C-alpha atoms as a PDB file:
ATOM      1  CA  UNK A   1     101.268 140.989  84.553  1.00  0.00           C
ATOM      2  CA  UNK A   2     103.186 138.360  82.996  1.00  0.00           C
ATOM      3  CA  UNK A   3     104.564 137.091  86.343  1.00  0.00           C
ATOM      4  CA  UNK A   4     100.550 137.000  87.337  1.00  0.00           C
ATOM      5  CA  UNK A   5      99.434 135.146  84.647  1.00  0.00           C
ATOM      6  CA  UNK A   6     102.570 132.636  84.934  1.00  0.00           C
ATOM      7  CA  UNK A   7     102.176 132.106  88.941  1.00  0.00           C
ATOM      8  CA  UNK A   8      98.734 130.040  88.803  1.00  0.00           C
ATOM      9  CA  UNK A   9     100.403 126.967  86.404  1.00  0.00           C
ATOM     10  CA  UNK A  10     103.676 127.138  88.141  1.00  0.00           C
ATOM     11  CA  UNK A  11     101.944 126.618  91.557  1.00  0.00           C
ATOM     12  CA  UNK A  12      99.716 124.223  90.338  1.00  0.00           C
ATOM     13  CA  UNK A  13     102.504 122.384  88.842  1.00  0.00           C
ATOM     14  CA  UNK A  14     104.055 122.159  92.476  1.00  0.00           C
ATOM     15  CA  UNK A  15     100.889 120.827  93.659  1.00  0.00           C
ATOM     16  CA  UNK A  16     100.572 118.136  91.375  1.00  0.00           C
ATOM     17  CA  UNK A  17     104.144 117.074  91.659  1.00  0.00           C
ATOM     18  CA  UNK A  18     104.347 116.610  95.512  1.00  0.00           C
ATOM     19  CA  UNK A  19     100.650 115.223  95.091  1.00  0.00           C
ATOM     20  CA  UNK A  20      99.244 117.517  97.917  1.00  0.00           C
ATOM     21  CA  UNK A  21      95.415 117.528  97.872  1.00  0.00           C
ATOM     22  CA  UNK A  22      94.700 119.653 100.946  1.00  0.00           C
ATOM     23  CA  UNK A  23      95.645 123.009 102.240  1.00  0.00           C
ATOM     24  CA  UNK A  24      98.577 123.755 100.354  1.00  0.00           C
ATOM     25  CA  UNK A  25      96.321 124.329  97.193  1.00  0.00           C
ATOM     26  CA  UNK A  26      94.951 127.219  98.763  1.00  0.00           C
ATOM     27  CA  UNK A  27      97.915 129.433  97.777  1.00  0.00           C
ATOM     28  CA  UNK A  28      96.486 129.768  94.165  1.00  0.00           C
ATOM     29  CA  UNK A  29      92.901 131.196  95.287  1.00  0.00           C
ATOM     30  CA  UNK A  30      94.568 134.846  94.911  1.00  0.00           C
ATOM     31  CA  UNK A  31      95.657 134.540  91.823  1.00  0.00           C
ATOM     32  CA  UNK A  32      93.016 132.876  90.507  1.00  0.00           C
ATOM     33  CA  UNK A  33      90.112 134.758  92.106  1.00  0.00           C
ATOM     34  CA  UNK A  34      90.474 137.573  90.184  1.00  0.00           C
ATOM     35  CA  UNK A  35      89.715 135.980  86.865  1.00  0.00           C
ATOM     36  CA  UNK A  36      86.491 134.289  88.679  1.00  0.00           C
ATOM     37  CA  UNK A  37      85.376 137.992  89.242  1.00  0.00           C
ATOM     38  CA  UNK A  38      86.158 138.854  85.492  1.00  0.00           C
ATOM     39  CA  UNK A  39      83.955 135.714  84.711  1.00  0.00           C
ATOM     40  CA  UNK A  40      81.002 137.402  86.961  1.00  0.00           C
ATOM     41  CA  UNK A  41      81.171 140.957  85.289  1.00  0.00           C
ATOM     42  CA  UNK A  42      81.417 139.245  81.895  1.00  0.00           C
ATOM     43  CA  UNK A  43      78.061 137.304  82.694  1.00  0.00           C
ATOM     44  CA  UNK A  44      75.918 140.441  84.078  1.00  0.00           C
ATOM     45  CA  UNK A  45      77.405 142.253  80.924  1.00  0.00           C
ATOM     46  CA  UNK A  46      75.905 139.710  78.616  1.00  0.00           C
ATOM     47  CA  UNK A  47      72.794 139.551  80.330  1.00  0.00           C
ATOM     48  CA  UNK A  48      72.583 143.502  80.274  1.00  0.00           C
ATOM     49  CA  UNK A  49      73.224 143.331  76.719  1.00  0.00           C
ATOM     50  CA  UNK A  50      70.434 140.345  76.183  1.00  0.00           C
ATOM     51  CA  UNK A  51      73.210 138.525  74.584  1.00  0.00           C
ATOM     52  CA  UNK A  52      72.063 134.789  74.868  1.00  0.00           C
ATOM     53  CA  UNK A  53      74.927 133.691  72.947  1.00  0.00           C
ATOM     54  CA  UNK A  54      77.624 135.337  74.808  1.00  0.00           C
ATOM     55  CA  UNK A  55      75.970 133.851  77.755  1.00  0.00           C
ATOM     56  CA  UNK A  56      76.101 130.764  76.667  1.00  0.00           C
ATOM     57  CA  UNK A  57      79.274 130.632  75.950  1.00  0.00           C
ATOM     58  CA  UNK A  58      80.331 131.759  79.401  1.00  0.00           C
ATOM     59  CA  UNK A  59      78.458 129.301  81.104  1.00  0.00           C
ATOM     60  CA  UNK A  60      79.650 126.185  79.184  1.00  0.00           C
ATOM     61  CA  UNK A  61      82.922 126.447  80.476  1.00  0.00           C
ATOM     62  CA  UNK A  62      81.791 126.813  84.227  1.00  0.00           C
ATOM     63  CA  UNK A  63      79.125 123.797  83.716  1.00  0.00           C
ATOM     64  CA  UNK A  64      81.803 121.757  82.459  1.00  0.00           C
ATOM     65  CA  UNK A  65      84.236 122.332  85.291  1.00  0.00           C
ATOM     66  CA  UNK A  66      81.607 122.105  87.762  1.00  0.00           C
ATOM     67  CA  UNK A  67      80.899 118.370  86.719  1.00  0.00           C
ATOM     68  CA  UNK A  68      84.600 117.725  86.691  1.00  0.00           C
ATOM     69  CA  UNK A  69      84.913 118.407  89.875  1.00  0.00           C
ATOM     70  CA  UNK A  70      81.601 116.368  91.217  1.00  0.00           C
ATOM     71  CA  UNK A  71      82.209 113.352  89.139  1.00  0.00           C
ATOM     72  CA  UNK A  72      82.043 110.209  90.978  1.00  0.00           C
ATOM     73  CA  UNK A  73      85.317 108.862  91.288  1.00  0.00           C
ATOM     74  CA  UNK A  74      86.480 105.745  89.348  1.00  0.00           C
ATOM     75  CA  UNK A  75      86.784 102.506  90.851  1.00  0.00           C
ATOM     76  CA  UNK A  76      90.459 102.805  90.729  1.00  0.00           C
ATOM     77  CA  UNK A  77      90.701 106.004  92.817  1.00  0.00           C
ATOM     78  CA  UNK A  78      88.593 105.019  95.450  1.00  0.00           C
ATOM     79  CA  UNK A  79      91.700 104.552  97.979  1.00  0.00           C
ATOM     80  CA  UNK A  80      92.249 108.286  98.795  1.00  0.00           C
ATOM     81  CA  UNK A  81      88.336 107.991  99.646  1.00  0.00           C
ATOM     82  CA  UNK A  82      88.128 105.318 101.933  1.00  0.00           C
ATOM     83  CA  UNK A  83      91.619 106.842 103.694  1.00  0.00           C
ATOM     84  CA  UNK A  84      89.734 110.119 103.697  1.00  0.00           C
ATOM     85  CA  UNK A  85      86.827 107.997 105.832  1.00  0.00           C
ATOM     86  CA  UNK A  86      88.934 106.269 107.946  1.00  0.00           C
ATOM     87  CA  UNK A  87      90.602 109.181 109.534  1.00  0.00           C
ATOM     88  CA  UNK A  88      87.422 110.872 109.673  1.00  0.00           C
ATOM     89  CA  UNK A  89      86.048 108.072 111.838  1.00  0.00           C
ATOM     90  CA  UNK A  90      89.272 108.041 113.857  1.00  0.00           C
ATOM     91  CA  UNK A  91      88.688 111.631 114.893  1.00  0.00           C
ATOM     92  CA  UNK A  92      85.302 110.914 115.747  1.00  0.00           C
ATOM     93  CA  UNK A  93      86.367 108.356 117.966  1.00  0.00           C
ATOM     94  CA  UNK A  94      88.749 110.658 119.548  1.00  0.00           C
ATOM     95  CA  UNK A  95      86.133 113.123 120.297  1.00  0.00           C
ATOM     96  CA  UNK A  96      84.262 110.819 122.145  1.00  0.00           C
ATOM     97  CA  UNK A  97      81.386 109.805 119.141  1.00  0.00           C
ATOM     98  CA  UNK A  98      82.059 106.025 118.480  1.00  0.00           C
ATOM     99  CA  UNK A  99      78.562 105.814 116.711  1.00  0.00           C
ATOM    100  CA  UNK A 100      79.272 108.246 114.027  1.00  0.00           C
ATOM    101  CA  UNK A 101      83.220 106.679 113.700  1.00  0.00           C
ATOM    102  CA  UNK A 102      81.530 103.040 113.301  1.00  0.00           C
ATOM    103  CA  UNK A 103      79.760 104.571 110.199  1.00  0.00           C
ATOM    104  CA  UNK A 104      83.057 106.170 108.664  1.00  0.00           C
ATOM    105  CA  UNK A 105      84.832 103.001 109.407  1.00  0.00           C
ATOM    106  CA  UNK A 106      82.142 101.058 107.411  1.00  0.00           C
ATOM    107  CA  UNK A 107      82.091 103.473 104.547  1.00  0.00           C
ATOM    108  CA  UNK A 108      85.997 103.114 104.074  1.00  0.00           C
ATOM    109  CA  UNK A 109      85.879  99.407 104.303  1.00  0.00           C
ATOM    110  CA  UNK A 110      83.094  99.219 101.812  1.00  0.00           C
ATOM    111  CA  UNK A 111      84.620 101.727  99.538  1.00  0.00           C
ATOM    112  CA  UNK A 112      88.057  99.747  99.466  1.00  0.00           C
ATOM    113  CA  UNK A 113      86.961  96.125 100.880  1.00  0.00           C
ATOM    114  CA  UNK A 114      90.958  95.148 100.390  1.00  0.00           C
ATOM    115  CA  UNK A 115      92.564  98.394 103.118  1.00  0.00           C
ATOM    116  CA  UNK A 116      93.406  97.095 106.021  1.00  0.00           C
ATOM    117  CA  UNK A 117      93.127  99.884 108.020  1.00  0.00           C
ATOM    118  CA  UNK A 118      89.107 100.523 108.614  1.00  0.00           C
ATOM    119  CA  UNK A 119      88.782  96.459 109.396  1.00  0.00           C
ATOM    120  CA  UNK A 120      91.457  97.200 112.321  1.00  0.00           C
ATOM    121  CA  UNK A 121      89.628 100.406 113.361  1.00  0.00           C
ATOM    122  CA  UNK A 122      86.337  98.454 113.062  1.00  0.00           C
ATOM    123  CA  UNK A 123      87.750  95.384 115.417  1.00  0.00           C
ATOM    124  CA  UNK A 124      89.254  97.733 117.865  1.00  0.00           C
ATOM    125  CA  UNK A 125      86.116  99.817 118.288  1.00  0.00           C
ATOM    126  CA  UNK A 126      84.252  96.270 118.400  1.00  0.00           C
ATOM    127  CA  UNK A 127      86.711  95.240 121.282  1.00  0.00           C
ATOM    128  CA  UNK A 128      86.309  98.668 123.196  1.00  0.00           C
ATOM    129  CA  UNK A 129      82.387  98.143 123.070  1.00  0.00           C
ATOM    130  CA  UNK A 130      82.790  94.349 124.299  1.00  0.00           C
ATOM    131  CA  UNK A 131      81.838  92.967 121.071  1.00  0.00           C
ATOM    132  CA  UNK A 132      83.965  89.976 121.076  1.00  0.00           C
ATOM    133  CA  UNK A 133      83.094  88.015 118.103  1.00  0.00           C
ATOM    134  CA  UNK A 134      82.798  91.492 115.830  1.00  0.00           C
ATOM    135  CA  UNK A 135      86.216  91.942 117.253  1.00  0.00           C
ATOM    136  CA  UNK A 136      87.631  88.646 116.232  1.00  0.00           C
ATOM    137  CA  UNK A 137      86.618  88.807 112.647  1.00  0.00           C
ATOM    138  CA  UNK A 138      86.976  92.409 112.141  1.00  0.00           C
ATOM    139  CA  UNK A 139      90.921  92.346 113.419  1.00  0.00           C
ATOM    140  CA  UNK A 140      91.669  88.760 111.875  1.00  0.00           C
ATOM    141  CA  UNK A 141      90.619  90.048 108.857  1.00  0.00           C
ATOM    142  CA  UNK A 142      92.939  93.158 109.309  1.00  0.00           C
ATOM    143  CA  UNK A 143      95.912  91.040 110.263  1.00  0.00           C
ATOM    144  CA  UNK A 144      95.298  88.740 106.885  1.00  0.00           C
ATOM    145  CA  UNK A 145      95.531  91.893 105.108  1.00  0.00           C
ATOM    146  CA  UNK A 146      98.237  93.664 106.661  1.00  0.00           C
ATOM    147  CA  UNK A 147     100.541  91.677 108.607  1.00  0.00           C
ATOM    148  CA  UNK A 148     102.097  94.552 110.723  1.00  0.00           C
ATOM    149  CA  UNK A 149      98.343  95.045 112.376  1.00  0.00           C
ATOM    150  CA  UNK A 150      98.424  91.737 113.801  1.00  0.00           C
ATOM    151  CA  UNK A 151     100.333  93.329 116.966  1.00  0.00           C
ATOM    152  CA  UNK A 152      97.506  95.889 117.642  1.00  0.00           C
ATOM    153  CA  UNK A 153      94.701  92.876 116.703  1.00  0.00           C
ATOM    154  CA  UNK A 154      95.938  90.612 119.575  1.00  0.00           C
ATOM    155  CA  UNK A 155      96.436  93.245 121.964  1.00  0.00           C
ATOM    156  CA  UNK A 156      92.967  94.796 121.543  1.00  0.00           C
ATOM    157  CA  UNK A 157      91.474  91.175 121.968  1.00  0.00           C
ATOM    158  CA  UNK A 158      93.914  90.768 124.903  1.00  0.00           C
ATOM    159  CA  UNK A 159      92.580  93.759 126.849  1.00  0.00           C
ATOM    160  CA  UNK A 160      88.969  92.556 125.918  1.00  0.00           C
ATOM    161  CA  UNK A 161      89.125  89.343 127.614  1.00  0.00           C
ATOM    162  CA  UNK A 162      91.019  91.025 130.107  1.00  0.00           C
ATOM    163  CA  UNK A 163      88.039  93.416 131.417  1.00  0.00           C
ATOM    164  CA  UNK A 164      85.653  90.196 130.760  1.00  0.00           C
ATOM    165  CA  UNK A 165      87.917  88.369 133.357  1.00  0.00           C
ATOM    166  CA  UNK A 166      89.039  85.911 131.086  1.00  0.00           C
ATOM    167  CA  UNK A 167      92.522  86.141 132.347  1.00  0.00           C
ATOM    168  CA  UNK A 168      93.530  82.618 130.519  1.00  0.00           C
ATOM    169  CA  UNK A 169      92.616  83.935 126.951  1.00  0.00           C
ATOM    170  CA  UNK A 170      93.733  87.348 127.853  1.00  0.00           C
ATOM    171  CA  UNK A 171      97.618  85.692 128.185  1.00  0.00           C
ATOM    172  CA  UNK A 172      97.108  83.774 125.153  1.00  0.00           C
ATOM    173  CA  UNK A 173      96.555  86.771 123.108  1.00  0.00           C
ATOM    174  CA  UNK A 174      99.204  88.771 125.068  1.00  0.00           C
ATOM    175  CA  UNK A 175     101.502  85.973 124.278  1.00  0.00           C
ATOM    176  CA  UNK A 176     100.625  86.222 120.435  1.00  0.00           C
ATOM    177  CA  UNK A 177     100.863  89.828 120.095  1.00  0.00           C
ATOM    178  CA  UNK A 178     104.685  89.257 121.583  1.00  0.00           C
ATOM    179  CA  UNK A 179     105.054  86.490 119.312  1.00  0.00           C
ATOM    180  CA  UNK A 180     104.034  88.927 116.354  1.00  0.00           C
ATOM    181  CA  UNK A 181     107.572  90.839 116.926  1.00  0.00           C
ATOM    182  CA  UNK A 182     106.156  94.365 117.956  1.00  0.00           C
ATOM    183  CA  UNK A 183     108.284  97.206 117.130  1.00  0.00           C
ATOM    184  CA  UNK A 184     106.700 100.357 118.210  1.00  0.00           C
ATOM    185  CA  UNK A 185     107.693 101.954 121.615  1.00  0.00           C
ATOM    186  CA  UNK A 186     103.558 102.011 121.792  1.00  0.00           C
ATOM    187  CA  UNK A 187     103.000  98.465 121.321  1.00  0.00           C
ATOM    188  CA  UNK A 188     105.332  97.599 124.567  1.00  0.00           C
ATOM    189  CA  UNK A 189     103.798 100.392 126.545  1.00  0.00           C
ATOM    190  CA  UNK A 190     100.425  98.459 126.150  1.00  0.00           C
ATOM    191  CA  UNK A 191     102.318  95.124 126.628  1.00  0.00           C
ATOM    192  CA  UNK A 192     103.417  96.672 130.019  1.00  0.00           C
ATOM    193  CA  UNK A 193     100.139  97.633 131.127  1.00  0.00           C
ATOM    194  CA  UNK A 194      98.395  94.648 130.317  1.00  0.00           C
ATOM    195  CA  UNK A 195     100.993  92.347 131.956  1.00  0.00           C
ATOM    196  CA  UNK A 196     100.936  94.675 135.122  1.00  0.00           C
ATOM    197  CA  UNK A 197      97.281  94.047 135.067  1.00  0.00           C
ATOM    198  CA  UNK A 198      97.589  90.023 134.302  1.00  0.00           C
ATOM    199  CA  UNK A 199     100.308  90.057 137.196  1.00  0.00           C
ATOM    200  CA  UNK A 200     103.366  89.463 135.324  1.00  0.00           C
ATOM    201  CA  UNK A 201     105.756  91.726 136.647  1.00  0.00           C
ATOM    202  CA  UNK A 202     108.945  90.538 134.701  1.00  0.00           C
ATOM    203  CA  UNK A 203     107.013  90.969 131.344  1.00  0.00           C
ATOM    204  CA  UNK A 204     105.478  94.534 131.968  1.00  0.00           C
ATOM    205  CA  UNK A 205     108.907  95.841 133.513  1.00  0.00           C
ATOM    206  CA  UNK A 206     110.759  94.157 130.306  1.00  0.00           C
ATOM    207  CA  UNK A 207     108.219  95.993 127.957  1.00  0.00           C
ATOM    208  CA  UNK A 208     108.277  99.185 129.586  1.00  0.00           C
ATOM    209  CA  UNK A 209     112.090  99.218 129.111  1.00  0.00           C
ATOM    210  CA  UNK A 210     111.751  98.177 125.500  1.00  0.00           C
ATOM    211  CA  UNK A 211     109.354 101.215 125.201  1.00  0.00           C
ATOM    212  CA  UNK A 212     111.947 103.320 127.028  1.00  0.00           C
ATOM    213  CA  UNK A 213     114.729 102.508 124.824  1.00  0.00           C
ATOM    214  CA  UNK A 214     112.591 103.276 121.429  1.00  0.00           C
ATOM    215  CA  UNK A 215     111.554 106.590 123.207  1.00  0.00           C
ATOM    216  CA  UNK A 216     113.832 107.575 126.112  1.00  0.00           C
ATOM    217  CA  UNK A 217     111.728 110.920 127.395  1.00  0.00           C
ATOM    218  CA  UNK A 218     108.380 109.140 127.323  1.00  0.00           C
ATOM    219  CA  UNK A 219     107.555 110.068 130.635  1.00  0.00           C
ATOM    220  CA  UNK A 220     104.267 107.401 130.810  1.00  0.00           C
ATOM    221  CA  UNK A 221     106.892 104.739 130.108  1.00  0.00           C
ATOM    222  CA  UNK A 222     109.280 105.831 132.371  1.00  0.00           C
ATOM    223  CA  UNK A 223     106.839 106.251 135.444  1.00  0.00           C
ATOM    224  CA  UNK A 224     105.228 103.029 135.115  1.00  0.00           C
ATOM    225  CA  UNK A 225     108.900 101.248 134.857  1.00  0.00           C
ATOM    226  CA  UNK A 226     109.856 103.010 138.075  1.00  0.00           C
ATOM    227  CA  UNK A 227     106.428 101.779 139.723  1.00  0.00           C
END
């Protein structure tokens, strides 16, 4: 019994120490579920015995726990909420639901206006949907909040300009993306793709070579470099 009683606080401490607010806390369930069962049985016993005071005494802590769990987040703790909204929006976009994704990105932006990720994702979504003004505004705000997002922003605008047939503007944004010091293989891969579409084969080749340096076993980059 001592081991069983000690398990919930020990597991809870591990969760708190590693700051995991997801699936890992389910390890607590087998240990705390019996306490919930005992509480439910005690409530039934109080009802059968018509023990009003005992019934209320059991309900009060349950109500307090429920109120604590459902309380609104204070302003200082909104970042995890914004992050959750943004991740959910990205999952919806990958699932082919851009309309629902936009709603979640906007919720993330409104929950934490100085969080750069939803501004970036809204800008990318605008670019995918052909909204040039919206893309420029949102991507500029993302780069202002987080300089590392400048590469993504310039590449998204360059791709939009290229689809619109505005090759001069596409080349300008591509040059800005390269000047923003890309560091990820994915960035160089996009630079290679776009440079190839703009008939700049030398830049495309060097970009694919850099992508392969960063990810030597990336088949798509190797294939495009060979092409």
